[in-house]
């Protein structure tokens, strides 16, 4: 039996909620949870400012910059590619 999946309208565009990308939403949620855990008034501006600074940084970089950065530091694995510390790659 086949499974139904959602096919995006444009394959080259990332998933967005309003004008936020998935990374932006995740950072907002992480900062909000951090504020709830620390429970101090001075952490509240970071909930707004850190995602704003991250978005400004992201707009100055090429598309896919964050995924390549995660790959470089070993947090994400790309199948079919050598490890980031490799100096030589032969096909």
PDB file of N, CA and C in Angstrom:
ATOM      1  N   UNK A   1       0.845  -1.174   0.000  1.00  0.00           N
ATOM      2  CA  UNK A   1       0.000   0.000   0.000  1.00  0.00           C
ATOM      3  C   UNK A   1       0.893   1.239   0.000  1.00  0.00           C
ATOM      4  N   UNK A   2       0.595   2.178  -0.858  1.00  0.00           N
ATOM      5  CA  UNK A   2       1.425   3.382  -0.973  1.00  0.00           C
ATOM      6  C   UNK A   2       1.069   4.380   0.125  1.00  0.00           C
ATOM      7  N   UNK A   3       2.047   5.129   0.487  1.00  0.00           N
ATOM      8  CA  UNK A   3       1.904   6.147   1.526  1.00  0.00           C
ATOM      9  C   UNK A   3       1.746   7.513   0.877  1.00  0.00           C
ATOM     10  N   UNK A   4       0.870   8.321   1.385  1.00  0.00           N
ATOM     11  CA  UNK A   4       0.667   9.663   0.843  1.00  0.00           C
ATOM     12  C   UNK A   4       1.672  10.619   1.460  1.00  0.00           C
ATOM     13  N   UNK A   5       2.329  11.386   0.619  1.00  0.00           N
ATOM     14  CA  UNK A   5       3.280  12.389   1.085  1.00  0.00           C
ATOM     15  C   UNK A   5       2.942  13.728   0.458  1.00  0.00           C
ATOM     16  N   UNK A   6       3.342  14.772   1.130  1.00  0.00           N
ATOM     17  CA  UNK A   6       3.114  16.125   0.616  1.00  0.00           C
ATOM     18  C   UNK A   6       4.264  16.494  -0.312  1.00  0.00           C
ATOM     19  N   UNK A   7       3.945  16.914  -1.504  1.00  0.00           N
ATOM     20  CA  UNK A   7       4.942  17.354  -2.468  1.00  0.00           C
ATOM     21  C   UNK A   7       4.949  18.884  -2.459  1.00  0.00           C
ATOM     22  N   UNK A   8       6.110  19.504  -2.185  1.00  0.00           N
ATOM     23  CA  UNK A   8       6.140  20.966  -2.166  1.00  0.00           C
ATOM     24  C   UNK A   8       5.914  21.563  -3.552  1.00  0.00           C
ATOM     25  N   UNK A   9       5.396  22.755  -3.565  1.00  0.00           N
ATOM     26  CA  UNK A   9       5.109  23.403  -4.839  1.00  0.00           C
ATOM     27  C   UNK A   9       6.384  23.710  -5.608  1.00  0.00           C
ATOM     28  N   UNK A  10       7.408  24.198  -4.906  1.00  0.00           N
ATOM     29  CA  UNK A  10       8.693  24.495  -5.521  1.00  0.00           C
ATOM     30  C   UNK A  10       9.759  23.695  -4.785  1.00  0.00           C
ATOM     31  N   UNK A  11      10.481  22.850  -5.481  1.00  0.00           N
ATOM     32  CA  UNK A  11      11.456  21.983  -4.839  1.00  0.00           C
ATOM     33  C   UNK A  11      12.696  22.735  -4.372  1.00  0.00           C
ATOM     34  N   UNK A  12      13.025  23.843  -5.007  1.00  0.00           N
ATOM     35  CA  UNK A  12      14.248  24.553  -4.662  1.00  0.00           C
ATOM     36  C   UNK A  12      14.072  25.555  -3.522  1.00  0.00           C
ATOM     37  N   UNK A  13      12.860  25.769  -3.055  1.00  0.00           N
ATOM     38  CA  UNK A  13      12.627  26.739  -1.995  1.00  0.00           C
ATOM     39  C   UNK A  13      12.499  26.032  -0.649  1.00  0.00           C
ATOM     40  N   UNK A  14      13.082  26.596   0.405  1.00  0.00           N
ATOM     41  CA  UNK A  14      12.976  25.977   1.727  1.00  0.00           C
ATOM     42  C   UNK A  14      11.574  26.148   2.308  1.00  0.00           C
ATOM     43  N   UNK A  15      11.270  25.338   3.301  1.00  0.00           N
ATOM     44  CA  UNK A  15       9.988  25.447   3.994  1.00  0.00           C
ATOM     45  C   UNK A  15      10.000  26.738   4.803  1.00  0.00           C
ATOM     46  N   UNK A  16       8.906  27.496   4.730  1.00  0.00           N
ATOM     47  CA  UNK A  16       8.819  28.754   5.464  1.00  0.00           C
ATOM     48  C   UNK A  16       7.498  28.847   6.207  1.00  0.00           C
ATOM     49  N   UNK A  17       7.540  29.493   7.357  1.00  0.00           N
ATOM     50  CA  UNK A  17       6.345  29.846   8.110  1.00  0.00           C
ATOM     51  C   UNK A  17       6.377  31.363   8.209  1.00  0.00           C
ATOM     52  N   UNK A  18       5.392  32.001   7.597  1.00  0.00           N
ATOM     53  CA  UNK A  18       5.398  33.444   7.377  1.00  0.00           C
ATOM     54  C   UNK A  18       6.658  33.788   6.590  1.00  0.00           C
ATOM     55  N   UNK A  19       7.550  34.596   7.099  1.00  0.00           N
ATOM     56  CA  UNK A  19       8.786  34.904   6.372  1.00  0.00           C
ATOM     57  C   UNK A  19      10.000  34.262   7.031  1.00  0.00           C
ATOM     58  N   UNK A  20       9.776  33.342   7.981  1.00  0.00           N
ATOM     59  CA  UNK A  20      10.858  32.683   8.694  1.00  0.00           C
ATOM     60  C   UNK A  20      11.163  31.319   8.091  1.00  0.00           C
ATOM     61  N   UNK A  21      12.453  31.017   7.949  1.00  0.00           N
ATOM     62  CA  UNK A  21      12.885  29.680   7.539  1.00  0.00           C
ATOM     63  C   UNK A  21      12.837  28.756   8.751  1.00  0.00           C
ATOM     64  N   UNK A  22      13.045  27.470   8.509  1.00  0.00           N
ATOM     65  CA  UNK A  22      13.021  26.491   9.591  1.00  0.00           C
ATOM     66  C   UNK A  22      14.113  26.794  10.614  1.00  0.00           C
ATOM     67  N   UNK A  23      15.293  27.212  10.144  1.00  0.00           N
ATOM     68  CA  UNK A  23      16.380  27.533  11.077  1.00  0.00           C
ATOM     69  C   UNK A  23      16.008  28.708  11.978  1.00  0.00           C
ATOM     70  N   UNK A  24      15.326  29.689  11.414  1.00  0.00           N
ATOM     71  CA  UNK A  24      14.919  30.856  12.196  1.00  0.00           C
ATOM     72  C   UNK A  24      13.918  30.460  13.284  1.00  0.00           C
ATOM     73  N   UNK A  25      12.941  29.644  12.913  1.00  0.00           N
ATOM     74  CA  UNK A  25      11.937  29.185  13.876  1.00  0.00           C
ATOM     75  C   UNK A  25      12.608  28.376  14.986  1.00  0.00           C
ATOM     76  N   UNK A  26      13.530  27.491  14.617  1.00  0.00           N
ATOM     77  CA  UNK A  26      14.222  26.676  15.617  1.00  0.00           C
ATOM     78  C   UNK A  26      15.015  27.549  16.577  1.00  0.00           C
ATOM     79  N   UNK A  27      15.687  28.563  16.067  1.00  0.00           N
ATOM     80  CA  UNK A  27      16.468  29.447  16.934  1.00  0.00           C
ATOM     81  C   UNK A  27      15.557  30.255  17.858  1.00  0.00           C
ATOM     82  N   UNK A  28      14.429  30.699  17.371  1.00  0.00           N
ATOM     83  CA  UNK A  28      13.473  31.427  18.212  1.00  0.00           C
ATOM     84  C   UNK A  28      12.970  30.525  19.336  1.00  0.00           C
ATOM     85  N   UNK A  29      12.648  29.284  19.012  1.00  0.00           N
ATOM     86  CA  UNK A  29      12.162  28.341  20.024  1.00  0.00           C
ATOM     87  C   UNK A  29      13.254  28.045  21.047  1.00  0.00           C
ATOM     88  N   UNK A  30      14.480  27.832  20.591  1.00  0.00           N
ATOM     89  CA  UNK A  30      15.593  27.555  21.517  1.00  0.00           C
ATOM     90  C   UNK A  30      15.821  28.742  22.453  1.00  0.00           C
ATOM     91  N   UNK A  31      15.805  29.943  21.915  1.00  0.00           N
ATOM     92  CA  UNK A  31      16.014  31.121  22.754  1.00  0.00           C
ATOM     93  C   UNK A  31      14.858  31.300  23.749  1.00  0.00           C
ATOM     94  N   UNK A  32      13.637  31.005  23.323  1.00  0.00           N
ATOM     95  CA  UNK A  32      12.481  31.110  24.214  1.00  0.00           C
ATOM     96  C   UNK A  32      12.580  30.095  25.351  1.00  0.00           C
ATOM     97  N   UNK A  33      12.950  28.863  25.018  1.00  0.00           N
ATOM     98  CA  UNK A  33      13.106  27.834  26.053  1.00  0.00           C
ATOM     99  C   UNK A  33      14.233  28.213  27.010  1.00  0.00           C
ATOM    100  N   UNK A  34      15.315  28.764  26.469  1.00  0.00           N
ATOM    101  CA  UNK A  34      16.410  29.229  27.324  1.00  0.00           C
ATOM    102  C   UNK A  34      15.925  30.306  28.288  1.00  0.00           C
ATOM    103  N   UNK A  35      15.100  31.205  27.805  1.00  0.00           N
ATOM    104  CA  UNK A  35      14.537  32.241  28.658  1.00  0.00           C
ATOM    105  C   UNK A  35      13.648  31.624  29.747  1.00  0.00           C
ATOM    106  N   UNK A  36      12.853  30.614  29.383  1.00  0.00           N
ATOM    107  CA  UNK A  36      11.994  29.964  30.377  1.00  0.00           C
ATOM    108  C   UNK A  36      12.811  29.226  31.436  1.00  0.00           C
ATOM    109  N   UNK A  37      13.919  28.622  31.014  1.00  0.00           N
ATOM    110  CA  UNK A  37      14.752  27.871  31.954  1.00  0.00           C
ATOM    111  C   UNK A  37      15.510  28.814  32.885  1.00  0.00           C
ATOM    112  N   UNK A  38      16.123  29.857  32.329  1.00  0.00           N
ATOM    113  CA  UNK A  38      16.911  30.789  33.143  1.00  0.00           C
ATOM    114  C   UNK A  38      16.003  31.673  33.988  1.00  0.00           C
ATOM    115  N   UNK A  39      14.871  32.082  33.421  1.00  0.00           N
ATOM    116  CA  UNK A  39      13.843  32.855  34.134  1.00  0.00           C
ATOM    117  C   UNK A  39      14.392  34.160  34.723  1.00  0.00           C
ATOM    118  N   UNK A  40      15.105  34.898  33.877  1.00  0.00           N
ATOM    119  CA  UNK A  40      15.602  36.214  34.264  1.00  0.00           C
ATOM    120  C   UNK A  40      15.146  37.227  33.221  1.00  0.00           C
ATOM    121  N   UNK A  41      14.887  38.460  33.638  1.00  0.00           N
ATOM    122  CA  UNK A  41      14.381  39.482  32.717  1.00  0.00           C
ATOM    123  C   UNK A  41      15.405  39.857  31.663  1.00  0.00           C
ATOM    124  N   UNK A  42      16.715  39.783  31.978  1.00  0.00           N
ATOM    125  CA  UNK A  42      17.746  40.218  31.037  1.00  0.00           C
ATOM    126  C   UNK A  42      17.966  39.238  29.895  1.00  0.00           C
ATOM    127  N   UNK A  43      17.381  38.042  29.957  1.00  0.00           N
ATOM    128  CA  UNK A  43      17.493  37.069  28.861  1.00  0.00           C
ATOM    129  C   UNK A  43      16.431  37.349  27.789  1.00  0.00           C
ATOM    130  N   UNK A  44      15.375  38.007  28.154  1.00  0.00           N
ATOM    131  CA  UNK A  44      14.270  38.273  27.223  1.00  0.00           C
ATOM    132  C   UNK A  44      14.696  39.025  25.962  1.00  0.00           C
ATOM    133  N   UNK A  45      15.556  40.041  26.023  1.00  0.00           N
ATOM    134  CA  UNK A  45      15.982  40.680  24.771  1.00  0.00           C
ATOM    135  C   UNK A  45      16.714  39.726  23.822  1.00  0.00           C
ATOM    136  N   UNK A  46      17.379  38.723  24.358  1.00  0.00           N
ATOM    137  CA  UNK A  46      18.082  37.753  23.512  1.00  0.00           C
ATOM    138  C   UNK A  46      17.105  36.931  22.679  1.00  0.00           C
ATOM    139  N   UNK A  47      15.877  36.736  23.173  1.00  0.00           N
ATOM    140  CA  UNK A  47      14.869  35.995  22.417  1.00  0.00           C
ATOM    141  C   UNK A  47      14.569  36.698  21.099  1.00  0.00           C
ATOM    142  N   UNK A  48      14.669  38.010  21.095  1.00  0.00           N
ATOM    143  CA  UNK A  48      14.407  38.782  19.883  1.00  0.00           C
ATOM    144  C   UNK A  48      15.698  39.094  19.125  1.00  0.00           C
ATOM    145  N   UNK A  49      16.743  39.498  19.837  1.00  0.00           N
ATOM    146  CA  UNK A  49      17.957  39.982  19.181  1.00  0.00           C
ATOM    147  C   UNK A  49      18.787  38.881  18.523  1.00  0.00           C
ATOM    148  N   UNK A  50      18.943  37.739  19.170  1.00  0.00           N
ATOM    149  CA  UNK A  50      19.769  36.665  18.595  1.00  0.00           C
ATOM    150  C   UNK A  50      19.188  36.162  17.277  1.00  0.00           C
ATOM    151  N   UNK A  51      17.873  35.855  17.187  1.00  0.00           N
ATOM    152  CA  UNK A  51      17.335  35.463  15.871  1.00  0.00           C
ATOM    153  C   UNK A  51      17.443  36.582  14.824  1.00  0.00           C
ATOM    154  N   UNK A  52      17.300  37.839  15.246  1.00  0.00           N
ATOM    155  CA  UNK A  52      17.448  38.960  14.315  1.00  0.00           C
ATOM    156  C   UNK A  52      18.865  39.021  13.754  1.00  0.00           C
ATOM    157  N   UNK A  53      19.867  38.910  14.636  1.00  0.00           N
ATOM    158  CA  UNK A  53      21.271  38.931  14.189  1.00  0.00           C
ATOM    159  C   UNK A  53      21.590  37.737  13.316  1.00  0.00           C
ATOM    160  N   UNK A  54      21.039  36.577  13.676  1.00  0.00           N
ATOM    161  CA  UNK A  54      21.267  35.379  12.873  1.00  0.00           C
ATOM    162  C   UNK A  54      20.679  35.551  11.469  1.00  0.00           C
ATOM    163  N   UNK A  55      19.490  36.113  11.391  1.00  0.00           N
ATOM    164  CA  UNK A  55      18.846  36.330  10.085  1.00  0.00           C
ATOM    165  C   UNK A  55      19.645  37.327   9.245  1.00  0.00           C
ATOM    166  N   UNK A  56      20.144  38.389   9.869  1.00  0.00           N
ATOM    167  CA  UNK A  56      20.969  39.355   9.145  1.00  0.00           C
ATOM    168  C   UNK A  56      22.252  38.711   8.625  1.00  0.00           C
ATOM    169  N   UNK A  57      22.870  37.868   9.440  1.00  0.00           N
ATOM    170  CA  UNK A  57      24.070  37.156   9.018  1.00  0.00           C
ATOM    171  C   UNK A  57      23.760  36.202   7.861  1.00  0.00           C
ATOM    172  N   UNK A  58      22.633  35.517   7.982  1.00  0.00           N
ATOM    173  CA  UNK A  58      22.244  34.542   6.966  1.00  0.00           C
ATOM    174  C   UNK A  58      21.941  35.205   5.619  1.00  0.00           C
ATOM    175  N   UNK A  59      21.416  36.405   5.637  1.00  0.00           N
ATOM    176  CA  UNK A  59      21.094  37.096   4.389  1.00  0.00           C
ATOM    177  C   UNK A  59      22.349  37.522   3.630  1.00  0.00           C
ATOM    178  N   UNK A  60      23.468  37.685   4.339  1.00  0.00           N
ATOM    179  CA  UNK A  60      24.728  38.071   3.694  1.00  0.00           C
ATOM    180  C   UNK A  60      25.514  36.885   3.154  1.00  0.00           C
ATOM    181  N   UNK A  61      25.109  35.675   3.498  1.00  0.00           N
ATOM    182  CA  UNK A  61      25.818  34.469   3.068  1.00  0.00           C
ATOM    183  C   UNK A  61      25.054  33.794   1.929  1.00  0.00           C
ATOM    184  N   UNK A  62      25.730  32.920   1.149  1.00  0.00           N
ATOM    185  CA  UNK A  62      25.023  32.195   0.094  1.00  0.00           C
ATOM    186  C   UNK A  62      24.046  31.170   0.671  1.00  0.00           C
ATOM    187  N   UNK A  63      23.070  30.779  -0.165  1.00  0.00           N
ATOM    188  CA  UNK A  63      22.057  29.825   0.263  1.00  0.00           C
ATOM    189  C   UNK A  63      22.708  28.495   0.637  1.00  0.00           C
ATOM    190  N   UNK A  64      22.272  27.883   1.710  1.00  0.00           N
ATOM    191  CA  UNK A  64      22.832  26.621   2.153  1.00  0.00           C
ATOM    192  C   UNK A  64      24.042  26.768   3.052  1.00  0.00           C
ATOM    193  N   UNK A  65      24.368  27.987   3.440  1.00  0.00           N
ATOM    194  CA  UNK A  65      25.558  28.250   4.247  1.00  0.00           C
ATOM    195  C   UNK A  65      25.496  27.519   5.586  1.00  0.00           C
ATOM    196  N   UNK A  66      24.348  27.540   6.239  1.00  0.00           N
ATOM    197  CA  UNK A  66      24.224  26.927   7.550  1.00  0.00           C
ATOM    198  C   UNK A  66      24.431  25.413   7.481  1.00  0.00           C
ATOM    199  N   UNK A  67      23.873  24.762   6.479  1.00  0.00           N
ATOM    200  CA  UNK A  67      24.053  23.308   6.357  1.00  0.00           C
ATOM    201  C   UNK A  67      25.508  22.963   6.117  1.00  0.00           C
ATOM    202  N   UNK A  68      26.201  23.759   5.320  1.00  0.00           N
ATOM    203  CA  UNK A  68      27.621  23.506   5.084  1.00  0.00           C
ATOM    204  C   UNK A  68      28.437  23.753   6.364  1.00  0.00           C
ATOM    205  N   UNK A  69      28.028  24.739   7.137  1.00  0.00           N
ATOM    206  CA  UNK A  69      28.709  25.005   8.394  1.00  0.00           C
ATOM    207  C   UNK A  69      28.503  23.850   9.371  1.00  0.00           C
ATOM    208  N   UNK A  70      27.280  23.331   9.451  1.00  0.00           N
ATOM    209  CA  UNK A  70      27.004  22.179  10.314  1.00  0.00           C
ATOM    210  C   UNK A  70      27.795  20.960   9.859  1.00  0.00           C
ATOM    211  N   UNK A  71      27.908  20.775   8.553  1.00  0.00           N
ATOM    212  CA  UNK A  71      28.694  19.668   8.006  1.00  0.00           C
ATOM    213  C   UNK A  71      30.167  19.822   8.359  1.00  0.00           C
ATOM    214  N   UNK A  72      30.678  21.031   8.262  1.00  0.00           N
ATOM    215  CA  UNK A  72      32.082  21.289   8.542  1.00  0.00           C
ATOM    216  C   UNK A  72      32.437  20.948   9.988  1.00  0.00           C
ATOM    217  N   UNK A  73      31.540  21.248  10.913  1.00  0.00           N
ATOM    218  CA  UNK A  73      31.808  20.978  12.317  1.00  0.00           C
ATOM    219  C   UNK A  73      31.342  19.599  12.762  1.00  0.00           C
ATOM    220  N   UNK A  74      30.829  18.787  11.835  1.00  0.00           N
ATOM    221  CA  UNK A  74      30.485  17.410  12.137  1.00  0.00           C
ATOM    222  C   UNK A  74      29.112  17.194  12.742  1.00  0.00           C
ATOM    223  N   UNK A  75      28.234  18.191  12.711  1.00  0.00           N
ATOM    224  CA  UNK A  75      26.895  18.035  13.264  1.00  0.00           C
ATOM    225  C   UNK A  75      25.918  17.432  12.262  1.00  0.00           C
ATOM    226  N   UNK A  76      26.231  17.504  11.003  1.00  0.00           N
ATOM    227  CA  UNK A  76      25.365  16.950   9.965  1.00  0.00           C
ATOM    228  C   UNK A  76      26.211  16.108   9.025  1.00  0.00           C
ATOM    229  N   UNK A  77      25.631  15.023   8.579  1.00  0.00           N
ATOM    230  CA  UNK A  77      26.352  14.111   7.704  1.00  0.00           C
ATOM    231  C   UNK A  77      25.722  14.151   6.317  1.00  0.00           C
ATOM    232  N   UNK A  78      26.546  14.291   5.309  1.00  0.00           N
ATOM    233  CA  UNK A  78      26.084  14.263   3.927  1.00  0.00           C
ATOM    234  C   UNK A  78      26.440  12.903   3.344  1.00  0.00           C
ATOM    235  N   UNK A  79      25.438  12.159   2.910  1.00  0.00           N
ATOM    236  CA  UNK A  79      25.681  10.826   2.359  1.00  0.00           C
ATOM    237  C   UNK A  79      26.343  10.929   0.996  1.00  0.00           C
ATOM    238  N   UNK A  80      27.339  10.085   0.769  1.00  0.00           N
ATOM    239  CA  UNK A  80      28.013  10.053  -0.525  1.00  0.00           C
ATOM    240  C   UNK A  80      29.183  11.010  -0.642  1.00  0.00           C
ATOM    241  N   UNK A  81      29.500  11.714   0.424  1.00  0.00           N
ATOM    242  CA  UNK A  81      30.607  12.666   0.411  1.00  0.00           C
ATOM    243  C   UNK A  81      31.636  12.260   1.458  1.00  0.00           C
ATOM    244  N   UNK A  82      32.878  12.645   1.258  1.00  0.00           N
ATOM    245  CA  UNK A  82      33.900  12.295   2.258  1.00  0.00           C
ATOM    246  C   UNK A  82      33.736  13.145   3.517  1.00  0.00           C
ATOM    247  N   UNK A  83      34.400  12.731   4.602  1.00  0.00           N
ATOM    248  CA  UNK A  83      34.355  13.552   5.826  1.00  0.00           C
ATOM    249  C   UNK A  83      34.975  14.926   5.577  1.00  0.00           C
ATOM    250  N   UNK A  84      34.598  15.943   6.339  1.00  0.00           N
ATOM    251  CA  UNK A  84      35.094  17.293   6.085  1.00  0.00           C
ATOM    252  C   UNK A  84      36.601  17.455   6.283  1.00  0.00           C
ATOM    253  N   UNK A  85      37.236  16.550   7.031  1.00  0.00           N
ATOM    254  CA  UNK A  85      38.670  16.664   7.262  1.00  0.00           C
ATOM    255  C   UNK A  85      39.501  16.053   6.125  1.00  0.00           C
ATOM    256  N   UNK A  86      38.869  15.450   5.137  1.00  0.00           N
ATOM    257  CA  UNK A  86      39.603  14.822   4.030  1.00  0.00           C
ATOM    258  C   UNK A  86      40.299  15.878   3.189  1.00  0.00           C
ATOM    259  N   UNK A  87      41.535  15.569   2.790  1.00  0.00           N
ATOM    260  CA  UNK A  87      42.300  16.498   1.944  1.00  0.00           C
ATOM    261  C   UNK A  87      42.189  16.133   0.480  1.00  0.00           C
ATOM    262  N   UNK A  88      41.889  14.872   0.174  1.00  0.00           N
ATOM    263  CA  UNK A  88      41.850  14.425  -1.210  1.00  0.00           C
ATOM    264  C   UNK A  88      40.602  13.590  -1.435  1.00  0.00           C
ATOM    265  N   UNK A  89      39.994  13.768  -2.598  1.00  0.00           N
ATOM    266  CA  UNK A  89      38.771  13.035  -2.925  1.00  0.00           C
ATOM    267  C   UNK A  89      38.881  12.515  -4.346  1.00  0.00           C
ATOM    268  N   UNK A  90      38.763  11.212  -4.489  1.00  0.00           N
ATOM    269  CA  UNK A  90      38.809  10.580  -5.825  1.00  0.00           C
ATOM    270  C   UNK A  90      37.470   9.951  -6.115  1.00  0.00           C
ATOM    271  N   UNK A  91      36.934  10.259  -7.280  1.00  0.00           N
ATOM    272  CA  UNK A  91      35.650   9.686  -7.662  1.00  0.00           C
ATOM    273  C   UNK A  91      35.804   8.319  -8.256  1.00  0.00           C
TER     274      UNK A  91
END
